[in-house]
Amino acid sequence: MTLTKAVILGALQGVAEFLPISSSGHLVIISYLLGAAGEGDTFFPVVLHLGSMLAIVIAYYEDVLQLIAAFFVLVRDLFTGQIRRKRRSGSRNYLYMLIISLLPLLLVLPFRDRIYKVFSSPMMVGGCLLLTGCILWVSRMAEDGTTGMADMRPVQALLVGISQTVAVIPGISRSGTTVAVAMLAGLRREFAVRFSLMMSLPTILAAFVLEFWSLLRINELPKNLAPYLAGAIAAAITGFLAIRILRGLVRSNRLHVFSYYCFVVGAATLIYFRFLF
């Protein structure tokens, strides 16, 4: 993996992670076009996601601090036996709903690598991008909901969590699918974006720790870390800018404009890799 390819893929990751066009799907396509398919091993995309995580933390640092504080208060209340005596705060409910939303993902995590291998061909990615386009097109029917952090319900959290689980498949946009489902489930548009991004943080962090530990155990960590670092920095910078664009699109109920992009890229990918590649 050269430094130039790493920066290109990192910048692409940052943009595609938050704009509803599927970062994993685009990484598959661009890797094939650049002749880098299989070069970066499984550690490279995880490091790029770590850059995306940094972008989320910077953009929503207040939410991150609020959730961390709610977690430690929850732990304290569990040990002191006060958890049933206290009225649930908005931040406490926010934390509960995030935990519930992650439950469906636990069912597929053991099979994540197998799923990725099955669906990581350009042809499969092209088809999944068309599906993402359909999801985004349907999102335009969502009215601005009334549900926020204090009154979000477990069924809403589960629906959003299931949509994140489906987005494990390359070509299915995680941000587009989760935000669209959250809005259709009745969440306020602004909170739908916040919840979607906060939901990704523990997932990204867990994937990084597990991959790092597995490579450390077999002594196969990359010797040249420069491309990984450059890719992560590029992902963080472009990711932060993409988050701002995503918030504006959702606020104005224009998330569906990216359905056209997904339709075009999905169809072009199918045609190119079927007849020209």
C-alpha atoms as a PDB file:
ATOM      1  CA  MET A   1       0.000   0.000   0.000  1.00  0.00           C
ATOM      2  CA  THR A   2       1.622   3.237  -1.132  1.00  0.00           C
ATOM      3  CA  LEU A   3       1.224   6.539   0.710  1.00  0.00           C
ATOM      4  CA  THR A   4      -0.726   8.050  -2.210  1.00  0.00           C
ATOM      5  CA  LYS A   5      -3.184   5.159  -2.363  1.00  0.00           C
ATOM      6  CA  ALA A   6      -3.613   5.282   1.419  1.00  0.00           C
ATOM      7  CA  VAL A   7      -4.478   8.996   1.370  1.00  0.00           C
ATOM      8  CA  ILE A   8      -6.914   8.529  -1.523  1.00  0.00           C
ATOM      9  CA  LEU A   9      -8.652   5.637   0.214  1.00  0.00           C
ATOM     10  CA  GLY A  10      -8.630   7.506   3.536  1.00  0.00           C
ATOM     11  CA  ALA A  11     -10.198  10.624   2.046  1.00  0.00           C
ATOM     12  CA  LEU A  12     -12.780   8.447   0.324  1.00  0.00           C
ATOM     13  CA  GLN A  13     -13.524   6.663   3.604  1.00  0.00           C
ATOM     14  CA  GLY A  14     -14.148   9.937   5.428  1.00  0.00           C
ATOM     15  CA  VAL A  15     -16.537  11.223   2.775  1.00  0.00           C
ATOM     16  CA  ALA A  16     -18.358   7.952   2.122  1.00  0.00           C
ATOM     17  CA  GLU A  17     -18.661   6.989   5.800  1.00  0.00           C
ATOM     18  CA  PHE A  18     -20.961   9.906   6.547  1.00  0.00           C
ATOM     19  CA  LEU A  19     -22.481  10.829   3.226  1.00  0.00           C
ATOM     20  CA  PRO A  20     -25.047   8.130   2.386  1.00  0.00           C
ATOM     21  CA  ILE A  21     -23.049   6.370  -0.340  1.00  0.00           C
ATOM     22  CA  SER A  22     -21.395   3.431   1.539  1.00  0.00           C
ATOM     23  CA  SER A  23     -17.743   3.754   2.497  1.00  0.00           C
ATOM     24  CA  SER A  24     -17.128  -0.002   2.445  1.00  0.00           C
ATOM     25  CA  GLY A  25     -18.675  -0.321  -0.999  1.00  0.00           C
ATOM     26  CA  HIS A  26     -16.582   2.510  -2.411  1.00  0.00           C
ATOM     27  CA  LEU A  27     -13.419   1.112  -0.850  1.00  0.00           C
ATOM     28  CA  VAL A  28     -14.061  -2.186  -2.643  1.00  0.00           C
ATOM     29  CA  ILE A  29     -14.630  -0.462  -5.990  1.00  0.00           C
ATOM     30  CA  ILE A  30     -11.692   1.960  -5.733  1.00  0.00           C
ATOM     31  CA  SER A  31      -9.364  -0.772  -4.451  1.00  0.00           C
ATOM     32  CA  TYR A  32     -10.089  -2.810  -7.570  1.00  0.00           C
ATOM     33  CA  LEU A  33      -9.642   0.199  -9.857  1.00  0.00           C
ATOM     34  CA  LEU A  34      -6.339   1.184  -8.183  1.00  0.00           C
ATOM     35  CA  GLY A  35      -5.102  -2.381  -8.227  1.00  0.00           C
ATOM     36  CA  ALA A  36      -4.951  -2.354  -4.435  1.00  0.00           C
ATOM     37  CA  ALA A  37      -7.482  -5.087  -3.756  1.00  0.00           C
ATOM     38  CA  GLY A  38      -6.124  -7.337  -1.039  1.00  0.00           C
ATOM     39  CA  GLU A  39      -3.063  -5.170  -0.362  1.00  0.00           C
ATOM     40  CA  GLY A  40      -4.167  -3.375   2.757  1.00  0.00           C
ATOM     41  CA  ASP A  41      -5.172  -6.502   4.737  1.00  0.00           C
ATOM     42  CA  THR A  42      -8.020  -6.273   7.206  1.00  0.00           C
ATOM     43  CA  PHE A  43      -6.204  -3.794   9.431  1.00  0.00           C
ATOM     44  CA  PHE A  44      -6.198  -0.925   6.933  1.00  0.00           C
ATOM     45  CA  PRO A  45      -9.999  -0.372   6.701  1.00  0.00           C
ATOM     46  CA  VAL A  46     -10.224  -0.649  10.500  1.00  0.00           C
ATOM     47  CA  VAL A  47      -7.615   2.098  10.899  1.00  0.00           C
ATOM     48  CA  LEU A  48      -9.520   4.265   8.411  1.00  0.00           C
ATOM     49  CA  HIS A  49     -12.657   3.810  10.483  1.00  0.00           C
ATOM     50  CA  LEU A  50     -10.668   4.959  13.495  1.00  0.00           C
ATOM     51  CA  GLY A  51     -10.072   8.228  11.623  1.00  0.00           C
ATOM     52  CA  SER A  52     -13.810   8.466  11.016  1.00  0.00           C
ATOM     53  CA  MET A  53     -14.409   7.897  14.734  1.00  0.00           C
ATOM     54  CA  LEU A  54     -12.155  10.856  15.522  1.00  0.00           C
ATOM     55  CA  ALA A  55     -14.278  13.021  13.201  1.00  0.00           C
ATOM     56  CA  ILE A  56     -17.440  12.019  15.119  1.00  0.00           C
ATOM     57  CA  VAL A  57     -15.833  12.757  18.493  1.00  0.00           C
ATOM     58  CA  ILE A  58     -14.784  16.229  17.335  1.00  0.00           C
ATOM     59  CA  ALA A  59     -18.147  17.028  15.744  1.00  0.00           C
ATOM     60  CA  TYR A  60     -20.229  15.734  18.687  1.00  0.00           C
ATOM     61  CA  TYR A  61     -17.893  16.033  21.654  1.00  0.00           C
ATOM     62  CA  GLU A  62     -20.735  17.263  23.895  1.00  0.00           C
ATOM     63  CA  ASP A  63     -22.763  14.109  23.237  1.00  0.00           C
ATOM     64  CA  VAL A  64     -19.694  11.942  23.833  1.00  0.00           C
ATOM     65  CA  LEU A  65     -18.971  13.603  27.184  1.00  0.00           C
ATOM     66  CA  GLN A  66     -22.642  13.400  28.156  1.00  0.00           C
ATOM     67  CA  LEU A  67     -22.796   9.664  27.402  1.00  0.00           C
ATOM     68  CA  ILE A  68     -19.533   8.944  29.228  1.00  0.00           C
ATOM     69  CA  ALA A  69     -20.837  10.789  32.297  1.00  0.00           C
ATOM     70  CA  ALA A  70     -24.156   8.897  32.091  1.00  0.00           C
ATOM     71  CA  PHE A  71     -22.278   5.594  31.888  1.00  0.00           C
ATOM     72  CA  PHE A  72     -20.242   6.241  35.033  1.00  0.00           C
ATOM     73  CA  VAL A  73     -23.338   7.443  36.909  1.00  0.00           C
ATOM     74  CA  LEU A  74     -25.110   4.250  35.823  1.00  0.00           C
ATOM     75  CA  VAL A  75     -22.233   2.110  37.108  1.00  0.00           C
ATOM     76  CA  ARG A  76     -22.258   4.004  40.415  1.00  0.00           C
ATOM     77  CA  ASP A  77     -26.009   3.565  40.808  1.00  0.00           C
ATOM     78  CA  LEU A  78     -25.725  -0.151  40.084  1.00  0.00           C
ATOM     79  CA  PHE A  79     -23.149  -0.622  42.826  1.00  0.00           C
ATOM     80  CA  THR A  80     -24.995   1.564  45.334  1.00  0.00           C
ATOM     81  CA  GLY A  81     -28.412   0.074  44.616  1.00  0.00           C
ATOM     82  CA  GLN A  82     -29.931   3.444  43.646  1.00  0.00           C
ATOM     83  CA  ILE A  83     -30.757   2.589  40.043  1.00  0.00           C
ATOM     84  CA  ARG A  84     -34.444   1.880  40.776  1.00  0.00           C
ATOM     85  CA  ARG A  85     -34.908   4.900  42.990  1.00  0.00           C
ATOM     86  CA  LYS A  86     -33.866   7.565  40.547  1.00  0.00           C
ATOM     87  CA  ARG A  87     -35.932   9.040  37.777  1.00  0.00           C
ATOM     88  CA  ARG A  88     -34.370   8.282  34.401  1.00  0.00           C
ATOM     89  CA  SER A  89     -32.718  11.364  32.899  1.00  0.00           C
ATOM     90  CA  GLY A  90     -32.545  12.209  29.199  1.00  0.00           C
ATOM     91  CA  SER A  91     -28.873  11.270  28.997  1.00  0.00           C
ATOM     92  CA  ARG A  92     -29.554   7.982  30.857  1.00  0.00           C
ATOM     93  CA  ASN A  93     -32.296   7.081  28.380  1.00  0.00           C
ATOM     94  CA  TYR A  94     -29.962   8.071  25.521  1.00  0.00           C
ATOM     95  CA  LEU A  95     -27.381   5.597  26.866  1.00  0.00           C
ATOM     96  CA  TYR A  96     -29.962   2.833  27.296  1.00  0.00           C
ATOM     97  CA  MET A  97     -31.238   3.244  23.745  1.00  0.00           C
ATOM     98  CA  LEU A  98     -27.698   3.104  22.336  1.00  0.00           C
ATOM     99  CA  ILE A  99     -27.058  -0.126  24.223  1.00  0.00           C
ATOM    100  CA  ILE A 100     -30.297  -1.638  22.907  1.00  0.00           C
ATOM    101  CA  SER A 101     -29.481  -0.552  19.347  1.00  0.00           C
ATOM    102  CA  LEU A 102     -26.205  -2.495  19.458  1.00  0.00           C
ATOM    103  CA  LEU A 103     -27.832  -5.820  20.410  1.00  0.00           C
ATOM    104  CA  PRO A 104     -28.720  -6.930  16.828  1.00  0.00           C
ATOM    105  CA  LEU A 105     -25.122  -6.325  15.746  1.00  0.00           C
ATOM    106  CA  LEU A 106     -23.865  -8.797  18.352  1.00  0.00           C
ATOM    107  CA  LEU A 107     -25.685 -11.573  16.496  1.00  0.00           C
ATOM    108  CA  VAL A 108     -23.723 -11.050  13.270  1.00  0.00           C
ATOM    109  CA  LEU A 109     -20.308  -9.982  14.610  1.00  0.00           C
ATOM    110  CA  PRO A 110     -18.994 -13.579  14.714  1.00  0.00           C
ATOM    111  CA  PHE A 111     -19.821 -13.883  10.991  1.00  0.00           C
ATOM    112  CA  ARG A 112     -18.735 -10.383   9.937  1.00  0.00           C
ATOM    113  CA  ASP A 113     -15.598 -11.475   8.041  1.00  0.00           C
ATOM    114  CA  ARG A 114     -17.500 -14.224   6.285  1.00  0.00           C
ATOM    115  CA  ILE A 115     -20.277 -11.818   5.283  1.00  0.00           C
ATOM    116  CA  TYR A 116     -17.722  -9.309   3.988  1.00  0.00           C
ATOM    117  CA  LYS A 117     -16.005 -11.926   1.838  1.00  0.00           C
ATOM    118  CA  VAL A 118     -19.278 -13.090   0.322  1.00  0.00           C
ATOM    119  CA  PHE A 119     -20.484  -9.562  -0.515  1.00  0.00           C
ATOM    120  CA  SER A 120     -17.166  -7.833  -1.305  1.00  0.00           C
ATOM    121  CA  SER A 121     -17.117  -8.408  -5.047  1.00  0.00           C
ATOM    122  CA  PRO A 122     -17.731  -5.313  -7.225  1.00  0.00           C
ATOM    123  CA  MET A 123     -20.835  -6.904  -8.713  1.00  0.00           C
ATOM    124  CA  MET A 124     -22.391  -7.438  -5.280  1.00  0.00           C
ATOM    125  CA  VAL A 125     -21.430  -3.909  -4.245  1.00  0.00           C
ATOM    126  CA  GLY A 126     -23.097  -2.490  -7.360  1.00  0.00           C
ATOM    127  CA  GLY A 127     -26.341  -4.253  -6.524  1.00  0.00           C
ATOM    128  CA  CYS A 128     -26.223  -3.122  -2.894  1.00  0.00           C
ATOM    129  CA  LEU A 129     -25.656   0.478  -3.959  1.00  0.00           C
ATOM    130  CA  LEU A 130     -28.885   0.280  -5.951  1.00  0.00           C
ATOM    131  CA  LEU A 131     -30.616  -0.955  -2.778  1.00  0.00           C
ATOM    132  CA  THR A 132     -29.134   1.961  -0.827  1.00  0.00           C
ATOM    133  CA  GLY A 133     -30.545   4.307  -3.466  1.00  0.00           C
ATOM    134  CA  CYS A 134     -34.009   2.842  -2.885  1.00  0.00           C
ATOM    135  CA  ILE A 135     -33.702   3.303   0.897  1.00  0.00           C
ATOM    136  CA  LEU A 136     -32.658   6.935   0.462  1.00  0.00           C
ATOM    137  CA  TRP A 137     -35.505   7.574  -1.980  1.00  0.00           C
ATOM    138  CA  VAL A 138     -38.046   6.264   0.548  1.00  0.00           C
ATOM    139  CA  SER A 139     -36.556   8.529   3.263  1.00  0.00           C
ATOM    140  CA  ARG A 140     -38.061  11.596   1.600  1.00  0.00           C
ATOM    141  CA  MET A 141     -41.472  10.477   2.864  1.00  0.00           C
ATOM    142  CA  ALA A 142     -40.391  10.846   6.511  1.00  0.00           C
ATOM    143  CA  GLU A 143     -41.861  13.777   8.374  1.00  0.00           C
ATOM    144  CA  ASP A 144     -39.846  15.530  11.055  1.00  0.00           C
ATOM    145  CA  GLY A 145     -40.515  13.364  14.110  1.00  0.00           C
ATOM    146  CA  THR A 146     -41.076  14.315  17.725  1.00  0.00           C
ATOM    147  CA  THR A 147     -38.855  11.788  19.501  1.00  0.00           C
ATOM    148  CA  GLY A 148     -35.624  12.928  21.178  1.00  0.00           C
ATOM    149  CA  MET A 149     -33.121  11.476  23.614  1.00  0.00           C
ATOM    150  CA  ALA A 150     -35.440  11.647  26.638  1.00  0.00           C
ATOM    151  CA  ASP A 151     -38.422   9.816  25.113  1.00  0.00           C
ATOM    152  CA  MET A 152     -36.902   7.428  22.573  1.00  0.00           C
ATOM    153  CA  ARG A 153     -38.387   3.937  22.936  1.00  0.00           C
ATOM    154  CA  PRO A 154     -36.690   0.499  22.798  1.00  0.00           C
ATOM    155  CA  VAL A 155     -38.572  -0.531  19.639  1.00  0.00           C
ATOM    156  CA  GLN A 156     -37.208   2.522  17.836  1.00  0.00           C
ATOM    157  CA  ALA A 157     -33.681   1.739  19.023  1.00  0.00           C
ATOM    158  CA  LEU A 158     -34.023  -1.863  17.835  1.00  0.00           C
ATOM    159  CA  LEU A 159     -35.223  -0.794  14.390  1.00  0.00           C
ATOM    160  CA  VAL A 160     -32.256   1.520  13.959  1.00  0.00           C
ATOM    161  CA  GLY A 161     -29.946  -1.175  15.327  1.00  0.00           C
ATOM    162  CA  ILE A 162     -31.241  -3.738  12.836  1.00  0.00           C
ATOM    163  CA  SER A 163     -30.621  -1.293  10.000  1.00  0.00           C
ATOM    164  CA  GLN A 164     -27.014  -0.875  11.175  1.00  0.00           C
ATOM    165  CA  THR A 165     -26.628  -4.657  11.205  1.00  0.00           C
ATOM    166  CA  VAL A 166     -27.822  -4.899   7.591  1.00  0.00           C
ATOM    167  CA  ALA A 167     -25.281  -2.199   6.677  1.00  0.00           C
ATOM    168  CA  VAL A 168     -22.436  -4.607   7.493  1.00  0.00           C
ATOM    169  CA  ILE A 169     -22.829  -5.606   3.842  1.00  0.00           C
ATOM    170  CA  PRO A 170     -20.555  -3.493   1.562  1.00  0.00           C
ATOM    171  CA  GLY A 171     -22.626  -1.178  -0.609  1.00  0.00           C
ATOM    172  CA  ILE A 172     -25.339  -0.664   2.012  1.00  0.00           C
ATOM    173  CA  SER A 173     -24.714   2.794   3.451  1.00  0.00           C
ATOM    174  CA  ARG A 174     -24.569   2.675   7.249  1.00  0.00           C
ATOM    175  CA  SER A 175     -25.224   6.388   7.693  1.00  0.00           C
ATOM    176  CA  GLY A 176     -27.917   6.568   5.025  1.00  0.00           C
ATOM    177  CA  THR A 177     -29.750   3.455   6.186  1.00  0.00           C
ATOM    178  CA  THR A 178     -29.667   4.210   9.916  1.00  0.00           C
ATOM    179  CA  VAL A 179     -30.639   7.871   9.524  1.00  0.00           C
ATOM    180  CA  ALA A 180     -33.439   7.000   7.095  1.00  0.00           C
ATOM    181  CA  VAL A 181     -34.832   4.296   9.398  1.00  0.00           C
ATOM    182  CA  ALA A 182     -34.500   6.580  12.435  1.00  0.00           C
ATOM    183  CA  MET A 183     -36.519   9.328  10.705  1.00  0.00           C
ATOM    184  CA  LEU A 184     -39.127   6.854   9.498  1.00  0.00           C
ATOM    185  CA  ALA A 185     -39.359   5.524  13.075  1.00  0.00           C
ATOM    186  CA  GLY A 186     -40.316   9.003  14.334  1.00  0.00           C
ATOM    187  CA  LEU A 187     -37.049  10.495  15.567  1.00  0.00           C
ATOM    188  CA  ARG A 188     -36.429  14.195  15.095  1.00  0.00           C
ATOM    189  CA  ARG A 189     -34.201  14.735  12.081  1.00  0.00           C
ATOM    190  CA  GLU A 190     -31.374  16.341  14.030  1.00  0.00           C
ATOM    191  CA  PHE A 191     -31.463  13.621  16.688  1.00  0.00           C
ATOM    192  CA  ALA A 192     -31.598  10.894  14.022  1.00  0.00           C
ATOM    193  CA  VAL A 193     -28.160  12.000  12.793  1.00  0.00           C
ATOM    194  CA  ARG A 194     -26.743  12.243  16.313  1.00  0.00           C
ATOM    195  CA  PHE A 195     -28.052   8.827  17.307  1.00  0.00           C
ATOM    196  CA  SER A 196     -26.749   7.207  14.121  1.00  0.00           C
ATOM    197  CA  LEU A 197     -23.245   8.591  14.611  1.00  0.00           C
ATOM    198  CA  MET A 198     -23.079   7.845  18.346  1.00  0.00           C
ATOM    199  CA  MET A 199     -24.206   4.293  17.607  1.00  0.00           C
ATOM    200  CA  SER A 200     -21.179   3.751  15.367  1.00  0.00           C
ATOM    201  CA  LEU A 201     -18.556   4.725  17.974  1.00  0.00           C
ATOM    202  CA  PRO A 202     -18.524   1.536  20.102  1.00  0.00           C
ATOM    203  CA  THR A 203     -18.724  -0.575  16.946  1.00  0.00           C
ATOM    204  CA  ILE A 204     -15.672   1.079  15.387  1.00  0.00           C
ATOM    205  CA  LEU A 205     -13.691   0.991  18.613  1.00  0.00           C
ATOM    206  CA  ALA A 206     -14.482  -2.688  19.234  1.00  0.00           C
ATOM    207  CA  ALA A 207     -13.497  -3.621  15.664  1.00  0.00           C
ATOM    208  CA  PHE A 208     -10.176  -1.777  16.026  1.00  0.00           C
ATOM    209  CA  VAL A 209      -9.319  -3.389  19.376  1.00  0.00           C
ATOM    210  CA  LEU A 210     -10.187  -6.904  18.171  1.00  0.00           C
ATOM    211  CA  GLU A 211      -8.246  -6.558  14.918  1.00  0.00           C
ATOM    212  CA  PHE A 212      -5.250  -4.982  16.656  1.00  0.00           C
ATOM    213  CA  TRP A 213      -5.194  -7.732  19.281  1.00  0.00           C
ATOM    214  CA  SER A 214      -5.470 -10.546  16.717  1.00  0.00           C
ATOM    215  CA  LEU A 215      -2.574  -9.132  14.671  1.00  0.00           C
ATOM    216  CA  LEU A 216      -0.506  -8.524  17.793  1.00  0.00           C
ATOM    217  CA  ARG A 217      -0.953 -12.136  18.906  1.00  0.00           C
ATOM    218  CA  ILE A 218       0.412 -13.507  15.626  1.00  0.00           C
ATOM    219  CA  ASN A 219       3.052 -10.767  15.358  1.00  0.00           C
ATOM    220  CA  GLU A 220       1.746  -9.499  12.005  1.00  0.00           C
ATOM    221  CA  LEU A 221       1.285  -5.807  12.671  1.00  0.00           C
ATOM    222  CA  PRO A 222       2.375  -3.740   9.639  1.00  0.00           C
ATOM    223  CA  LYS A 223       6.005  -2.667   9.789  1.00  0.00           C
ATOM    224  CA  ASN A 224       5.411   0.569   7.854  1.00  0.00           C
ATOM    225  CA  LEU A 225       2.688   2.487   9.670  1.00  0.00           C
ATOM    226  CA  ALA A 226       3.024   5.689   7.627  1.00  0.00           C
ATOM    227  CA  PRO A 227       0.311   4.791   5.050  1.00  0.00           C
ATOM    228  CA  TYR A 228      -2.071   3.772   7.858  1.00  0.00           C
ATOM    229  CA  LEU A 229      -1.520   7.018   9.741  1.00  0.00           C
ATOM    230  CA  ALA A 230      -1.866   9.119   6.589  1.00  0.00           C
ATOM    231  CA  GLY A 231      -5.075   7.324   5.634  1.00  0.00           C
ATOM    232  CA  ALA A 232      -6.563   7.798   9.117  1.00  0.00           C
ATOM    233  CA  ILE A 233      -5.765  11.537   9.128  1.00  0.00           C
ATOM    234  CA  ALA A 234      -7.296  11.955   5.670  1.00  0.00           C
ATOM    235  CA  ALA A 235     -10.417  10.083   6.838  1.00  0.00           C
ATOM    236  CA  ALA A 236     -10.742  12.300   9.928  1.00  0.00           C
ATOM    237  CA  ILE A 237     -10.478  15.568   7.970  1.00  0.00           C
ATOM    238  CA  THR A 238     -12.858  14.664   5.167  1.00  0.00           C
ATOM    239  CA  GLY A 239     -15.155  12.894   7.633  1.00  0.00           C
ATOM    240  CA  PHE A 240     -15.614  16.022   9.732  1.00  0.00           C
ATOM    241  CA  LEU A 241     -16.577  18.015   6.641  1.00  0.00           C
ATOM    242  CA  ALA A 242     -18.942  15.257   5.488  1.00  0.00           C
ATOM    243  CA  ILE A 243     -20.726  15.247   8.861  1.00  0.00           C
ATOM    244  CA  ARG A 244     -21.521  18.935   8.438  1.00  0.00           C
ATOM    245  CA  ILE A 245     -22.947  18.247   4.979  1.00  0.00           C
ATOM    246  CA  LEU A 246     -24.995  15.299   6.283  1.00  0.00           C
ATOM    247  CA  ARG A 247     -26.525  17.403   9.057  1.00  0.00           C
ATOM    248  CA  GLY A 248     -27.556  20.067   6.551  1.00  0.00           C
ATOM    249  CA  LEU A 249     -29.092  17.521   4.184  1.00  0.00           C
ATOM    250  CA  VAL A 250     -31.125  15.829   6.912  1.00  0.00           C
ATOM    251  CA  ARG A 251     -32.239  19.134   8.432  1.00  0.00           C
ATOM    252  CA  SER A 252     -33.678  20.193   5.071  1.00  0.00           C
ATOM    253  CA  ASN A 253     -35.070  16.683   4.349  1.00  0.00           C
ATOM    254  CA  ARG A 254     -32.861  16.254   1.281  1.00  0.00           C
ATOM    255  CA  LEU A 255     -31.113  13.033   2.186  1.00  0.00           C
ATOM    256  CA  HIS A 256     -32.777  11.424  -0.817  1.00  0.00           C
ATOM    257  CA  VAL A 257     -30.730  13.526  -3.277  1.00  0.00           C
ATOM    258  CA  PHE A 258     -27.948  10.969  -2.882  1.00  0.00           C
ATOM    259  CA  SER A 259     -30.251   8.233  -4.153  1.00  0.00           C
ATOM    260  CA  TYR A 260     -29.509   9.466  -7.683  1.00  0.00           C
ATOM    261  CA  TYR A 261     -25.782   9.119  -7.043  1.00  0.00           C
ATOM    262  CA  CYS A 262     -26.207   5.587  -5.699  1.00  0.00           C
ATOM    263  CA  PHE A 263     -28.372   4.592  -8.659  1.00  0.00           C
ATOM    264  CA  VAL A 264     -25.808   5.916 -11.154  1.00  0.00           C
ATOM    265  CA  VAL A 265     -22.720   4.489  -9.425  1.00  0.00           C
ATOM    266  CA  GLY A 266     -24.436   1.171  -8.719  1.00  0.00           C
ATOM    267  CA  ALA A 267     -25.529   0.744 -12.335  1.00  0.00           C
ATOM    268  CA  ALA A 268     -22.140   1.912 -13.677  1.00  0.00           C
ATOM    269  CA  THR A 269     -20.341  -0.541 -11.383  1.00  0.00           C
ATOM    270  CA  LEU A 270     -22.456  -3.451 -12.590  1.00  0.00           C
ATOM    271  CA  ILE A 271     -21.917  -2.547 -16.243  1.00  0.00           C
ATOM    272  CA  TYR A 272     -18.174  -1.865 -15.923  1.00  0.00           C
ATOM    273  CA  PHE A 273     -17.212  -4.955 -13.949  1.00  0.00           C
ATOM    274  CA  ARG A 274     -19.540  -7.190 -15.982  1.00  0.00           C
ATOM    275  CA  PHE A 275     -18.480  -6.122 -19.472  1.00  0.00           C
ATOM    276  CA  LEU A 276     -15.360  -3.912 -19.371  1.00  0.00           C
ATOM    277  CA  PHE A 277     -13.114  -4.870 -16.447  1.00  0.00           C
END
